[in-house]
N, C-alpha and C. Protein backbone atom coordinates (compact mmCIF):
# COMPACT_ATOMS: atom_id res chain seq x y z
N MET A 1 0.82 -1.20 0.00
CA MET A 1 0.00 0.00 0.00
C MET A 1 0.86 1.26 0.00
N ALA A 2 1.98 1.25 0.74
CA ALA A 2 2.85 2.42 0.80
C ALA A 2 3.49 2.66 -0.56
N ALA A 3 3.84 1.58 -1.27
CA ALA A 3 4.45 1.74 -2.60
C ALA A 3 3.46 2.36 -3.57
N LEU A 4 2.19 2.03 -3.43
CA LEU A 4 1.16 2.60 -4.28
C LEU A 4 1.01 4.09 -4.02
N MET A 5 1.09 4.51 -2.76
CA MET A 5 0.96 5.92 -2.42
C MET A 5 2.15 6.72 -2.95
N ILE A 6 3.35 6.13 -2.91
CA ILE A 6 4.53 6.82 -3.42
C ILE A 6 4.41 7.01 -4.92
N SER A 7 3.96 6.01 -5.63
CA SER A 7 3.85 6.13 -7.08
C SER A 7 2.76 7.14 -7.46
N GLU A 8 1.67 7.18 -6.69
CA GLU A 8 0.63 8.17 -6.97
C GLU A 8 1.17 9.58 -6.71
N ASN A 9 1.93 9.73 -5.63
CA ASN A 9 2.53 11.02 -5.33
C ASN A 9 3.53 11.41 -6.42
N GLY A 10 4.29 10.43 -6.87
CA GLY A 10 5.25 10.70 -7.96
C GLY A 10 4.55 11.10 -9.24
N MET A 11 3.42 10.49 -9.53
CA MET A 11 2.66 10.84 -10.73
C MET A 11 2.07 12.24 -10.60
N GLN A 12 1.67 12.60 -9.39
CA GLN A 12 1.15 13.95 -9.19
C GLN A 12 2.24 14.99 -9.43
N TRP A 13 3.44 14.71 -8.94
CA TRP A 13 4.55 15.64 -9.17
C TRP A 13 4.90 15.72 -10.65
N PHE A 14 4.89 14.58 -11.32
CA PHE A 14 5.18 14.56 -12.75
C PHE A 14 4.13 15.37 -13.51
N ALA A 15 2.87 15.18 -13.18
CA ALA A 15 1.79 15.92 -13.83
C ALA A 15 1.92 17.42 -13.54
N PHE A 16 2.24 17.75 -12.30
CA PHE A 16 2.42 19.15 -11.93
C PHE A 16 3.56 19.79 -12.73
N LEU A 17 4.69 19.12 -12.82
CA LEU A 17 5.83 19.64 -13.58
C LEU A 17 5.53 19.73 -15.07
N LEU A 18 4.83 18.74 -15.59
CA LEU A 18 4.48 18.74 -17.01
C LEU A 18 3.55 19.90 -17.34
N VAL A 19 2.51 20.08 -16.54
CA VAL A 19 1.57 21.18 -16.77
C VAL A 19 2.26 22.53 -16.57
N GLY A 20 3.10 22.63 -15.56
CA GLY A 20 3.83 23.88 -15.33
C GLY A 20 4.78 24.23 -16.46
N THR A 21 5.48 23.23 -16.98
CA THR A 21 6.40 23.46 -18.09
C THR A 21 5.65 23.87 -19.35
N ILE A 22 4.56 23.19 -19.64
CA ILE A 22 3.76 23.54 -20.82
C ILE A 22 3.17 24.94 -20.66
N GLY A 23 2.71 25.27 -19.48
CA GLY A 23 2.18 26.61 -19.23
C GLY A 23 3.23 27.69 -19.38
N PHE A 24 4.42 27.45 -18.83
CA PHE A 24 5.52 28.41 -18.94
C PHE A 24 5.92 28.62 -20.39
N LEU A 25 6.08 27.54 -21.14
CA LEU A 25 6.46 27.66 -22.55
C LEU A 25 5.36 28.32 -23.38
N SER A 26 4.11 28.03 -23.05
CA SER A 26 3.00 28.66 -23.78
C SER A 26 2.95 30.16 -23.49
N TYR A 27 3.17 30.54 -22.25
CA TYR A 27 3.13 31.95 -21.87
C TYR A 27 4.22 32.74 -22.60
N PHE A 28 5.42 32.17 -22.67
CA PHE A 28 6.55 32.86 -23.28
C PHE A 28 6.78 32.46 -24.73
N LEU A 29 5.80 31.87 -25.38
CA LEU A 29 5.94 31.48 -26.79
C LEU A 29 6.29 32.66 -27.69
N PRO A 30 5.66 33.84 -27.56
CA PRO A 30 6.07 34.96 -28.41
C PRO A 30 7.54 35.35 -28.22
N SER A 31 8.01 35.35 -27.00
CA SER A 31 9.41 35.70 -26.74
C SER A 31 10.35 34.64 -27.30
N ILE A 32 10.00 33.39 -27.13
CA ILE A 32 10.83 32.30 -27.65
C ILE A 32 10.93 32.42 -29.17
N CYS A 33 9.80 32.67 -29.83
CA CYS A 33 9.81 32.82 -31.29
C CYS A 33 10.67 34.01 -31.71
N ALA A 34 10.58 35.12 -30.99
CA ALA A 34 11.37 36.30 -31.33
C ALA A 34 12.87 36.02 -31.19
N PHE A 35 13.27 35.32 -30.15
CA PHE A 35 14.69 35.02 -29.97
C PHE A 35 15.19 34.01 -30.99
N VAL A 36 14.36 33.02 -31.32
CA VAL A 36 14.76 32.01 -32.31
C VAL A 36 14.90 32.65 -33.69
N ARG A 37 14.01 33.59 -34.00
CA ARG A 37 14.04 34.25 -35.32
C ARG A 37 15.01 35.43 -35.36
N HIS A 38 15.72 35.71 -34.27
CA HIS A 38 16.68 36.83 -34.17
C HIS A 38 16.01 38.15 -34.55
N HIS A 39 14.82 38.35 -33.99
CA HIS A 39 14.07 39.58 -34.26
C HIS A 39 14.82 40.76 -33.66
N PRO A 40 14.93 41.89 -34.40
CA PRO A 40 15.69 43.02 -33.85
C PRO A 40 15.05 43.65 -32.61
N GLN A 41 13.77 43.44 -32.39
CA GLN A 41 13.08 43.99 -31.22
C GLN A 41 12.77 42.91 -30.18
N LYS A 42 13.61 41.89 -30.09
CA LYS A 42 13.32 40.75 -29.22
C LYS A 42 13.22 41.13 -27.74
N ILE A 43 13.99 42.10 -27.29
CA ILE A 43 13.93 42.50 -25.88
C ILE A 43 12.60 43.21 -25.61
N SER A 44 12.16 44.05 -26.52
CA SER A 44 10.87 44.73 -26.36
C SER A 44 9.72 43.73 -26.38
N ILE A 45 9.83 42.73 -27.22
CA ILE A 45 8.80 41.68 -27.27
C ILE A 45 8.80 40.90 -25.95
N LEU A 46 9.98 40.60 -25.43
CA LEU A 46 10.07 39.91 -24.14
C LEU A 46 9.43 40.72 -23.03
N LEU A 47 9.70 42.02 -22.99
CA LEU A 47 9.13 42.87 -21.94
C LEU A 47 7.61 42.98 -22.08
N LEU A 48 7.13 43.13 -23.30
CA LEU A 48 5.68 43.15 -23.52
C LEU A 48 5.05 41.84 -23.09
N ASN A 49 5.68 40.75 -23.47
CA ASN A 49 5.18 39.43 -23.12
C ASN A 49 5.19 39.21 -21.61
N PHE A 50 6.25 39.68 -20.94
CA PHE A 50 6.37 39.49 -19.50
C PHE A 50 5.32 40.29 -18.74
N PHE A 51 5.14 41.56 -19.11
CA PHE A 51 4.25 42.44 -18.35
C PHE A 51 2.79 42.37 -18.79
N LEU A 52 2.52 42.11 -20.07
CA LEU A 52 1.13 42.10 -20.54
C LEU A 52 0.71 40.76 -21.13
N GLY A 53 1.55 39.76 -21.03
CA GLY A 53 1.22 38.45 -21.57
C GLY A 53 0.06 37.78 -20.85
N TRP A 54 -0.20 38.17 -19.62
CA TRP A 54 -1.30 37.58 -18.86
C TRP A 54 -2.65 37.92 -19.49
N SER A 55 -2.70 39.06 -20.19
CA SER A 55 -3.94 39.39 -20.89
C SER A 55 -3.86 38.76 -22.28
N ILE A 56 -4.95 38.31 -22.77
CA ILE A 56 -4.97 37.67 -24.09
C ILE A 56 -4.49 38.66 -25.15
N VAL A 57 -4.92 39.91 -25.04
CA VAL A 57 -4.57 40.92 -26.03
C VAL A 57 -3.06 41.15 -26.07
N GLY A 58 -2.42 41.30 -24.92
CA GLY A 58 -0.98 41.51 -24.86
C GLY A 58 -0.21 40.33 -25.42
N TRP A 59 -0.68 39.11 -25.13
CA TRP A 59 -0.02 37.91 -25.63
C TRP A 59 -0.13 37.82 -27.15
N VAL A 60 -1.31 38.12 -27.68
CA VAL A 60 -1.51 38.06 -29.14
C VAL A 60 -0.68 39.14 -29.83
N ILE A 61 -0.64 40.34 -29.28
CA ILE A 61 0.17 41.41 -29.88
C ILE A 61 1.64 41.01 -29.89
N ALA A 62 2.12 40.43 -28.80
CA ALA A 62 3.52 40.00 -28.74
C ALA A 62 3.79 38.89 -29.76
N LEU A 63 2.84 37.98 -29.94
CA LEU A 63 3.02 36.89 -30.90
C LEU A 63 3.04 37.42 -32.33
N VAL A 64 2.12 38.31 -32.65
CA VAL A 64 2.09 38.89 -34.00
C VAL A 64 3.37 39.68 -34.25
N TRP A 65 3.82 40.44 -33.27
CA TRP A 65 5.04 41.24 -33.40
C TRP A 65 6.25 40.33 -33.59
N ALA A 66 6.28 39.19 -32.90
CA ALA A 66 7.41 38.27 -33.02
C ALA A 66 7.50 37.69 -34.43
N PHE A 67 6.37 37.49 -35.09
CA PHE A 67 6.37 36.92 -36.43
C PHE A 67 6.38 37.98 -37.53
N LYS A 68 6.29 39.24 -37.16
CA LYS A 68 6.30 40.30 -38.16
C LYS A 68 7.70 40.43 -38.74
N LYS A 69 7.76 40.50 -40.05
CA LYS A 69 9.06 40.61 -40.72
C LYS A 69 9.65 41.98 -40.45
N ALA A 70 10.89 41.98 -40.05
CA ALA A 70 11.58 43.24 -39.74
C ALA A 70 11.87 43.97 -41.04
N GLU A 71 11.48 45.22 -41.08
CA GLU A 71 11.72 46.02 -42.27
C GLU A 71 13.10 46.66 -42.16
N PRO A 72 13.86 46.65 -43.25
CA PRO A 72 15.18 47.26 -43.17
C PRO A 72 15.07 48.76 -42.97
N ALA A 73 16.04 49.30 -42.31
CA ALA A 73 16.06 50.74 -42.04
C ALA A 73 16.28 51.50 -43.35
N THR A 74 15.57 52.59 -43.50
CA THR A 74 15.72 53.44 -44.67
C THR A 74 16.81 54.46 -44.41
N VAL A 75 17.79 54.50 -45.29
CA VAL A 75 18.89 55.43 -45.16
C VAL A 75 18.75 56.47 -46.27
N VAL A 76 18.71 57.72 -45.88
CA VAL A 76 18.62 58.82 -46.84
C VAL A 76 19.96 59.54 -46.86
N VAL A 77 20.55 59.61 -48.04
CA VAL A 77 21.83 60.28 -48.21
C VAL A 77 21.58 61.59 -48.94
N VAL A 78 21.97 62.68 -48.31
CA VAL A 78 21.81 64.00 -48.90
C VAL A 78 23.21 64.49 -49.27
N GLN A 79 23.39 64.72 -50.56
CA GLN A 79 24.69 65.21 -51.01
C GLN A 79 24.66 66.72 -51.05
N GLN A 80 25.66 67.31 -50.47
CA GLN A 80 25.77 68.76 -50.46
C GLN A 80 26.95 69.14 -51.36
N PRO A 81 26.80 70.26 -52.01
CA PRO A 81 27.93 70.67 -52.87
C PRO A 81 29.16 70.98 -52.02
N ALA A 82 30.30 70.73 -52.61
CA ALA A 82 31.54 70.98 -51.90
C ALA A 82 31.72 72.49 -51.72
N PRO A 83 32.31 72.89 -50.60
CA PRO A 83 32.55 74.32 -50.41
C PRO A 83 33.54 74.84 -51.46
N PRO A 84 33.40 76.10 -51.82
CA PRO A 84 34.31 76.63 -52.84
C PRO A 84 35.77 76.60 -52.35
N TYR A 85 36.66 76.36 -53.27
CA TYR A 85 38.07 76.28 -52.94
C TYR A 85 38.68 77.68 -52.96
N ARG A 86 39.45 78.03 -51.96
CA ARG A 86 40.08 79.37 -51.89
C ARG A 86 41.54 79.27 -52.09
């Protein structure tokens, strides 16, 4: 009987750890995706996910942002005439 109680307790711990791990990974899925994809705003996505991930809206925004393709920066070059030579 004692062996049965130990195995039931062990199964409860296993189930607790399994559910906790799945919950943790699900909560931070947007951040994980951003880091795996080397998103340039990965820290901002992590902070949004950490502070507002508990709300469905914050989690969805972080997930969409993590999968949004980063647009390259636009560089504008303005050429000025050379100063007159003296």
